[in-house]
C-alpha atoms as a PDB file:
ATOM      1  CA  UNK A   1     -30.535   6.102 -17.979  1.00  0.00           C
ATOM      2  CA  UNK A   2     -31.661   4.402 -15.111  1.00  0.00           C
ATOM      3  CA  UNK A   3     -31.056   5.394 -11.196  1.00  0.00           C
ATOM      4  CA  UNK A   4     -28.098   4.493 -10.061  1.00  0.00           C
ATOM      5  CA  UNK A   5     -27.287   3.603  -5.825  1.00  0.00           C
ATOM      6  CA  UNK A   6     -24.937   6.217  -3.854  1.00  0.00           C
ATOM      7  CA  UNK A   7     -22.588   2.659  -3.203  1.00  0.00           C
ATOM      8  CA  UNK A   8     -22.853   1.551  -6.453  1.00  0.00           C
ATOM      9  CA  UNK A   9     -21.874   4.723  -8.172  1.00  0.00           C
ATOM     10  CA  UNK A  10     -18.987   4.989  -5.149  1.00  0.00           C
ATOM     11  CA  UNK A  11     -17.923   0.784  -6.356  1.00  0.00           C
ATOM     12  CA  UNK A  12     -17.279   2.178 -10.030  1.00  0.00           C
ATOM     13  CA  UNK A  13     -15.198   5.649  -8.513  1.00  0.00           C
ATOM     14  CA  UNK A  14     -13.277   2.860  -6.622  1.00  0.00           C
ATOM     15  CA  UNK A  15     -12.826   0.617  -9.454  1.00  0.00           C
ATOM     16  CA  UNK A  16     -11.675   3.502 -11.854  1.00  0.00           C
ATOM     17  CA  UNK A  17      -9.093   4.697  -9.346  1.00  0.00           C
ATOM     18  CA  UNK A  18      -7.822   0.964  -8.695  1.00  0.00           C
ATOM     19  CA  UNK A  19      -7.826   0.276 -12.431  1.00  0.00           C
ATOM     20  CA  UNK A  20      -5.300   3.283 -12.590  1.00  0.00           C
ATOM     21  CA  UNK A  21      -3.172   2.629 -10.207  1.00  0.00           C
ATOM     22  CA  UNK A  22      -2.910  -0.875 -11.454  1.00  0.00           C
ATOM     23  CA  UNK A  23      -1.821  -0.296 -14.151  1.00  0.00           C
ATOM     24  CA  UNK A  24       0.819   2.530 -13.714  1.00  0.00           C
ATOM     25  CA  UNK A  25       2.081  -0.524 -10.885  1.00  0.00           C
ATOM     26  CA  UNK A  26       2.037  -3.016 -13.872  1.00  0.00           C
ATOM     27  CA  UNK A  27       3.979  -0.701 -16.297  1.00  0.00           C
ATOM     28  CA  UNK A  28       6.468   0.189 -13.390  1.00  0.00           C
ATOM     29  CA  UNK A  29       7.025  -3.793 -13.022  1.00  0.00           C
ATOM     30  CA  UNK A  30       7.230  -4.395 -17.065  1.00  0.00           C
ATOM     31  CA  UNK A  31       9.278  -1.869 -17.203  1.00  0.00           C
ATOM     32  CA  UNK A  32      11.845  -3.095 -14.394  1.00  0.00           C
ATOM     33  CA  UNK A  33      11.875  -6.683 -15.914  1.00  0.00           C
ATOM     34  CA  UNK A  34      12.616  -5.195 -19.094  1.00  0.00           C
ATOM     35  CA  UNK A  35      15.940  -3.216 -17.480  1.00  0.00           C
ATOM     36  CA  UNK A  36      17.227  -6.742 -16.181  1.00  0.00           C
ATOM     37  CA  UNK A  37      16.693  -8.420 -19.559  1.00  0.00           C
ATOM     38  CA  UNK A  38      18.716  -5.218 -21.093  1.00  0.00           C
ATOM     39  CA  UNK A  39      21.466  -5.795 -18.489  1.00  0.00           C
ATOM     40  CA  UNK A  40      21.410  -9.373 -18.752  1.00  0.00           C
ATOM     41  CA  UNK A  41      21.587  -9.416 -22.462  1.00  0.00           C
ATOM     42  CA  UNK A  42      24.731  -7.182 -22.321  1.00  0.00           C
ATOM     43  CA  UNK A  43      26.584  -9.989 -19.905  1.00  0.00           C
ATOM     44  CA  UNK A  44      27.063  -7.770 -16.786  1.00  0.00           C
ATOM     45  CA  UNK A  45      26.555 -10.050 -14.089  1.00  0.00           C
ATOM     46  CA  UNK A  46      27.084  -7.385 -11.789  1.00  0.00           C
ATOM     47  CA  UNK A  47      24.541  -5.195 -13.007  1.00  0.00           C
ATOM     48  CA  UNK A  48      21.935  -7.617 -13.778  1.00  0.00           C
ATOM     49  CA  UNK A  49      21.925  -9.028 -10.273  1.00  0.00           C
ATOM     50  CA  UNK A  50      21.413  -5.405  -8.970  1.00  0.00           C
ATOM     51  CA  UNK A  51      18.314  -5.371 -11.781  1.00  0.00           C
ATOM     52  CA  UNK A  52      17.144  -8.629 -10.608  1.00  0.00           C
ATOM     53  CA  UNK A  53      16.412  -7.844  -6.780  1.00  0.00           C
ATOM     54  CA  UNK A  54      14.423  -4.490  -8.208  1.00  0.00           C
ATOM     55  CA  UNK A  55      12.806  -6.575 -10.342  1.00  0.00           C
ATOM     56  CA  UNK A  56      11.835  -9.204  -7.845  1.00  0.00           C
ATOM     57  CA  UNK A  57      10.504  -6.913  -5.045  1.00  0.00           C
ATOM     58  CA  UNK A  58       8.509  -5.338  -7.199  1.00  0.00           C
ATOM     59  CA  UNK A  59       7.353  -8.834  -8.196  1.00  0.00           C
ATOM     60  CA  UNK A  60       6.631  -9.365  -4.850  1.00  0.00           C
ATOM     61  CA  UNK A  61       5.380  -5.980  -4.421  1.00  0.00           C
ATOM     62  CA  UNK A  62       2.841  -6.733  -7.075  1.00  0.00           C
ATOM     63  CA  UNK A  63       1.971  -9.964  -5.968  1.00  0.00           C
ATOM     64  CA  UNK A  64       1.020  -8.631  -2.332  1.00  0.00           C
ATOM     65  CA  UNK A  65      -1.180  -5.707  -3.632  1.00  0.00           C
ATOM     66  CA  UNK A  66      -3.439  -8.420  -5.912  1.00  0.00           C
ATOM     67  CA  UNK A  67      -2.048  -6.851  -9.312  1.00  0.00           C
ATOM     68  CA  UNK A  68      -0.445 -10.282 -10.136  1.00  0.00           C
ATOM     69  CA  UNK A  69      -1.391 -13.851  -8.777  1.00  0.00           C
ATOM     70  CA  UNK A  70       1.275 -14.846  -6.468  1.00  0.00           C
ATOM     71  CA  UNK A  71       1.806 -18.278  -8.318  1.00  0.00           C
ATOM     72  CA  UNK A  72       2.606 -15.476 -11.399  1.00  0.00           C
ATOM     73  CA  UNK A  73       5.319 -13.821  -9.278  1.00  0.00           C
ATOM     74  CA  UNK A  74       7.037 -16.948  -7.741  1.00  0.00           C
ATOM     75  CA  UNK A  75       7.214 -17.952 -11.910  1.00  0.00           C
ATOM     76  CA  UNK A  76       8.226 -14.648 -13.315  1.00  0.00           C
ATOM     77  CA  UNK A  77      10.742 -14.623 -10.425  1.00  0.00           C
ATOM     78  CA  UNK A  78      11.866 -18.073 -10.862  1.00  0.00           C
ATOM     79  CA  UNK A  79      12.606 -17.341 -14.686  1.00  0.00           C
ATOM     80  CA  UNK A  80      14.534 -14.495 -13.857  1.00  0.00           C
ATOM     81  CA  UNK A  81      17.092 -16.128 -11.529  1.00  0.00           C
ATOM     82  CA  UNK A  82      17.269 -19.069 -13.906  1.00  0.00           C
ATOM     83  CA  UNK A  83      18.891 -16.373 -16.423  1.00  0.00           C
ATOM     84  CA  UNK A  84      20.736 -14.745 -13.811  1.00  0.00           C
ATOM     85  CA  UNK A  85      22.532 -18.197 -12.744  1.00  0.00           C
ATOM     86  CA  UNK A  86      22.825 -18.984 -16.491  1.00  0.00           C
ATOM     87  CA  UNK A  87      24.556 -15.445 -16.519  1.00  0.00           C
ATOM     88  CA  UNK A  88      26.996 -15.882 -13.373  1.00  0.00           C
ATOM     89  CA  UNK A  89      27.900 -19.376 -14.529  1.00  0.00           C
ATOM     90  CA  UNK A  90      28.985 -18.507 -18.256  1.00  0.00           C
ATOM     91  CA  UNK A  91      27.148 -20.983 -19.865  1.00  0.00           C
ATOM     92  CA  UNK A  92      24.659 -20.595 -22.673  1.00  0.00           C
ATOM     93  CA  UNK A  93      22.276 -17.930 -22.181  1.00  0.00           C
ATOM     94  CA  UNK A  94      18.480 -19.077 -21.732  1.00  0.00           C
ATOM     95  CA  UNK A  95      15.632 -17.029 -23.568  1.00  0.00           C
ATOM     96  CA  UNK A  96      12.991 -15.385 -21.568  1.00  0.00           C
ATOM     97  CA  UNK A  97      10.315 -17.416 -22.671  1.00  0.00           C
ATOM     98  CA  UNK A  98      10.921 -21.059 -23.678  1.00  0.00           C
ATOM     99  CA  UNK A  99      10.972 -21.869 -27.444  1.00  0.00           C
ATOM    100  CA  UNK A 100       8.334 -24.426 -28.873  1.00  0.00           C
ATOM    101  CA  UNK A 101      10.354 -27.572 -30.529  1.00  0.00           C
ATOM    102  CA  UNK A 102       9.734 -27.868 -34.398  1.00  0.00           C
ATOM    103  CA  UNK A 103       6.921 -29.563 -35.771  1.00  0.00           C
ATOM    104  CA  UNK A 104       7.519 -33.219 -36.742  1.00  0.00           C
ATOM    105  CA  UNK A 105       7.174 -34.025 -39.860  1.00  0.00           C
END
């Protein structure tokens, strides 16, 4: 194996640590969003709003740490807020992801 510089070996170690940390944070983010979606599916607006606040905070924190892009964070928060507002207004439940229209024949 070719000889590596000390700085490159250190960068590899740093990258591995950072990847593990980001993986953990991304997993926690997904779990929190999933718990919000579960609360929204049950129809309990008060529980869903608490979960939304927690999910929103995690999304912002992930964006500030560079785990997700800031525009991605805004888009996700917007979609969750839209879902929560639909639940509170008693309107039709909006899907988590938009569905594609049927192909015309």
